[in-house]
């Protein structure tokens, strides 16, 4: 399953790349793309049934790496 989410308060392109790399390493994430210019996260998971669980892990990781950034659902 693939969904896109608006990011609020991603500070810079380096931060976006750091976040993209970390999200891409999470279990269940097939692909993650963070676009600094559009302030958007595109998340693709391997299993549709686990999407909400994976998204919860992504939200927690985002808060740990970039405390000011929020994923708007």
N, C-alpha and C. Protein backbone atom coordinates (compact mmCIF):
# COMPACT_ATOMS: atom_id res chain seq x y z
N UNK A 1 0.85 -1.17 0.00
CA UNK A 1 0.00 0.00 0.00
C UNK A 1 0.89 1.23 0.00
N UNK A 2 0.48 2.24 -0.72
CA UNK A 2 1.22 3.50 -0.79
C UNK A 2 0.29 4.65 -0.45
N UNK A 3 0.76 5.52 0.47
CA UNK A 3 0.01 6.71 0.84
C UNK A 3 0.97 7.86 1.03
N UNK A 4 0.45 9.07 0.83
CA UNK A 4 1.24 10.27 1.03
C UNK A 4 0.67 11.08 2.19
N UNK A 5 1.57 11.74 2.90
CA UNK A 5 1.19 12.54 4.06
C UNK A 5 1.91 13.88 4.01
N UNK A 6 1.24 14.89 4.46
CA UNK A 6 1.84 16.23 4.57
C UNK A 6 2.69 16.26 5.83
N UNK A 7 3.87 16.87 5.70
CA UNK A 7 4.76 17.06 6.83
C UNK A 7 4.68 18.51 7.28
N UNK A 8 4.61 18.72 8.56
CA UNK A 8 4.58 20.06 9.10
C UNK A 8 5.89 20.33 9.83
N UNK A 9 6.59 21.38 9.41
CA UNK A 9 7.81 21.84 10.07
C UNK A 9 9.04 20.95 9.85
N UNK A 10 9.24 20.44 8.63
CA UNK A 10 10.52 19.80 8.32
C UNK A 10 11.48 20.94 8.00
N UNK A 11 12.62 21.01 8.68
CA UNK A 11 13.46 22.20 8.68
C UNK A 11 14.35 22.39 7.45
N UNK A 12 14.92 21.29 6.94
CA UNK A 12 15.87 21.47 5.84
C UNK A 12 15.97 20.19 5.01
N UNK A 13 16.63 20.28 3.87
CA UNK A 13 16.77 19.13 2.98
C UNK A 13 17.60 18.02 3.62
N UNK A 14 18.59 18.39 4.40
CA UNK A 14 19.41 17.39 5.09
C UNK A 14 18.56 16.63 6.11
N UNK A 15 17.72 17.34 6.83
CA UNK A 15 16.82 16.71 7.79
C UNK A 15 15.86 15.75 7.07
N UNK A 16 15.36 16.17 5.94
CA UNK A 16 14.44 15.33 5.16
C UNK A 16 15.14 14.05 4.70
N UNK A 17 16.39 14.17 4.27
CA UNK A 17 17.14 12.99 3.83
C UNK A 17 17.42 12.05 4.99
N UNK A 18 17.78 12.62 6.13
CA UNK A 18 18.05 11.82 7.33
C UNK A 18 16.78 11.05 7.74
N UNK A 19 15.66 11.72 7.69
CA UNK A 19 14.38 11.10 8.03
C UNK A 19 14.02 10.00 7.03
N UNK A 20 14.19 10.29 5.75
CA UNK A 20 13.90 9.30 4.70
C UNK A 20 14.74 8.04 4.88
N UNK A 21 16.03 8.21 5.14
CA UNK A 21 16.92 7.07 5.33
C UNK A 21 16.49 6.22 6.53
N UNK A 22 16.16 6.87 7.62
CA UNK A 22 15.76 6.15 8.84
C UNK A 22 14.43 5.43 8.65
N UNK A 23 13.46 6.07 8.03
CA UNK A 23 12.16 5.44 7.80
C UNK A 23 12.32 4.24 6.88
N UNK A 24 13.17 4.37 5.86
CA UNK A 24 13.38 3.27 4.92
C UNK A 24 13.93 2.01 5.55
N UNK A 25 14.55 2.13 6.72
CA UNK A 25 15.14 0.98 7.42
C UNK A 25 14.17 0.29 8.38
N UNK A 26 13.00 0.89 8.59
CA UNK A 26 12.03 0.29 9.51
C UNK A 26 11.44 -1.00 8.94
N UNK A 27 11.18 -1.98 9.79
CA UNK A 27 10.53 -3.21 9.31
C UNK A 27 9.16 -2.91 8.71
N UNK A 28 8.87 -3.51 7.59
CA UNK A 28 7.58 -3.34 6.94
C UNK A 28 7.55 -2.22 5.91
N UNK A 29 8.57 -1.36 5.91
CA UNK A 29 8.62 -0.27 4.94
C UNK A 29 9.31 -0.76 3.68
N UNK A 30 8.58 -0.70 2.59
CA UNK A 30 9.15 -1.08 1.30
C UNK A 30 9.92 0.09 0.68
N UNK A 31 9.33 1.30 0.81
CA UNK A 31 9.96 2.49 0.26
C UNK A 31 9.44 3.72 1.00
N UNK A 32 10.33 4.66 1.23
CA UNK A 32 9.95 5.93 1.85
C UNK A 32 10.59 7.06 1.06
N UNK A 33 9.83 8.09 0.81
CA UNK A 33 10.35 9.26 0.10
C UNK A 33 9.89 10.50 0.87
N UNK A 34 10.85 11.32 1.29
CA UNK A 34 10.54 12.57 1.96
C UNK A 34 11.00 13.70 1.04
N UNK A 35 10.06 14.54 0.66
CA UNK A 35 10.35 15.65 -0.23
C UNK A 35 10.31 16.95 0.58
N UNK A 36 11.47 17.57 0.71
CA UNK A 36 11.56 18.80 1.49
C UNK A 36 10.78 19.95 0.85
N UNK A 37 10.88 20.08 -0.45
CA UNK A 37 10.23 21.20 -1.14
C UNK A 37 8.71 21.16 -1.03
N UNK A 38 8.14 19.97 -1.17
CA UNK A 38 6.68 19.85 -1.09
C UNK A 38 6.20 19.53 0.31
N UNK A 39 7.16 19.28 1.23
CA UNK A 39 6.83 18.94 2.62
C UNK A 39 5.91 17.70 2.66
N UNK A 40 6.34 16.66 1.93
CA UNK A 40 5.49 15.48 1.79
C UNK A 40 6.29 14.20 2.05
N UNK A 41 5.64 13.24 2.71
CA UNK A 41 6.17 11.90 2.92
C UNK A 41 5.32 10.94 2.11
N UNK A 42 5.96 10.13 1.28
CA UNK A 42 5.27 9.06 0.57
C UNK A 42 5.80 7.75 1.14
N UNK A 43 4.89 6.95 1.68
CA UNK A 43 5.24 5.73 2.37
C UNK A 43 4.62 4.54 1.65
N UNK A 44 5.46 3.55 1.34
CA UNK A 44 4.99 2.31 0.71
C UNK A 44 5.35 1.16 1.63
N UNK A 45 4.35 0.34 1.96
CA UNK A 45 4.58 -0.82 2.81
C UNK A 45 4.44 -2.10 2.02
N UNK A 46 5.08 -3.14 2.50
CA UNK A 46 5.05 -4.43 1.83
C UNK A 46 3.70 -5.11 1.99
N UNK A 47 3.08 -4.93 3.15
CA UNK A 47 1.82 -5.63 3.44
C UNK A 47 0.75 -4.61 3.82
N UNK A 48 -0.34 -4.58 3.05
CA UNK A 48 -1.42 -3.63 3.31
C UNK A 48 -2.01 -3.77 4.71
N UNK A 49 -2.08 -4.98 5.22
CA UNK A 49 -2.69 -5.24 6.53
C UNK A 49 -1.90 -4.59 7.66
N UNK A 50 -0.60 -4.43 7.47
CA UNK A 50 0.25 -3.87 8.52
C UNK A 50 0.48 -2.37 8.38
N UNK A 51 -0.20 -1.71 7.46
CA UNK A 51 0.09 -0.31 7.17
C UNK A 51 -0.05 0.58 8.41
N UNK A 52 -1.11 0.43 9.16
CA UNK A 52 -1.33 1.30 10.33
C UNK A 52 -0.25 1.10 11.38
N UNK A 53 0.17 -0.14 11.57
CA UNK A 53 1.23 -0.44 12.53
C UNK A 53 2.56 0.18 12.08
N UNK A 54 2.87 0.05 10.80
CA UNK A 54 4.08 0.65 10.26
C UNK A 54 4.02 2.16 10.37
N UNK A 55 2.89 2.75 10.07
CA UNK A 55 2.73 4.20 10.17
C UNK A 55 2.94 4.68 11.60
N UNK A 56 2.46 3.93 12.58
CA UNK A 56 2.68 4.30 13.97
C UNK A 56 4.18 4.34 14.30
N UNK A 57 4.94 3.36 13.78
CA UNK A 57 6.38 3.33 13.99
C UNK A 57 7.05 4.53 13.30
N UNK A 58 6.55 4.87 12.11
CA UNK A 58 7.10 6.02 11.36
C UNK A 58 6.85 7.31 12.13
N UNK A 59 5.67 7.47 12.68
CA UNK A 59 5.33 8.68 13.45
C UNK A 59 6.24 8.79 14.67
N UNK A 60 6.46 7.68 15.38
CA UNK A 60 7.32 7.70 16.56
C UNK A 60 8.76 8.03 16.17
N UNK A 61 9.26 7.40 15.12
CA UNK A 61 10.62 7.65 14.66
C UNK A 61 10.79 9.11 14.24
N UNK A 62 9.80 9.65 13.55
CA UNK A 62 9.86 11.05 13.13
C UNK A 62 9.96 11.97 14.34
N UNK A 63 9.18 11.69 15.37
CA UNK A 63 9.23 12.51 16.58
C UNK A 63 10.59 12.40 17.27
N UNK A 64 11.22 11.24 17.20
CA UNK A 64 12.54 11.05 17.81
C UNK A 64 13.63 11.80 17.04
N UNK A 65 13.58 11.73 15.71
CA UNK A 65 14.63 12.33 14.88
C UNK A 65 14.42 13.84 14.70
N UNK A 66 13.20 14.23 14.40
CA UNK A 66 12.86 15.64 14.14
C UNK A 66 11.68 16.03 15.03
N UNK A 67 11.94 16.40 16.29
CA UNK A 67 10.85 16.67 17.24
C UNK A 67 9.86 17.75 16.79
N UNK A 68 10.32 18.70 15.97
CA UNK A 68 9.43 19.77 15.51
C UNK A 68 8.54 19.35 14.33
N UNK A 69 8.90 18.26 13.68
CA UNK A 69 8.18 17.79 12.50
C UNK A 69 7.01 16.90 12.91
N UNK A 70 5.88 17.11 12.26
CA UNK A 70 4.69 16.30 12.52
C UNK A 70 4.13 15.77 11.21
N UNK A 71 3.73 14.50 11.24
CA UNK A 71 3.07 13.89 10.08
C UNK A 71 1.57 14.14 10.24
N UNK A 72 1.01 14.87 9.30
CA UNK A 72 -0.42 15.18 9.35
C UNK A 72 -1.19 14.08 8.66
N UNK A 73 -2.05 13.43 9.40
CA UNK A 73 -2.82 12.30 8.86
C UNK A 73 -4.12 12.75 8.29
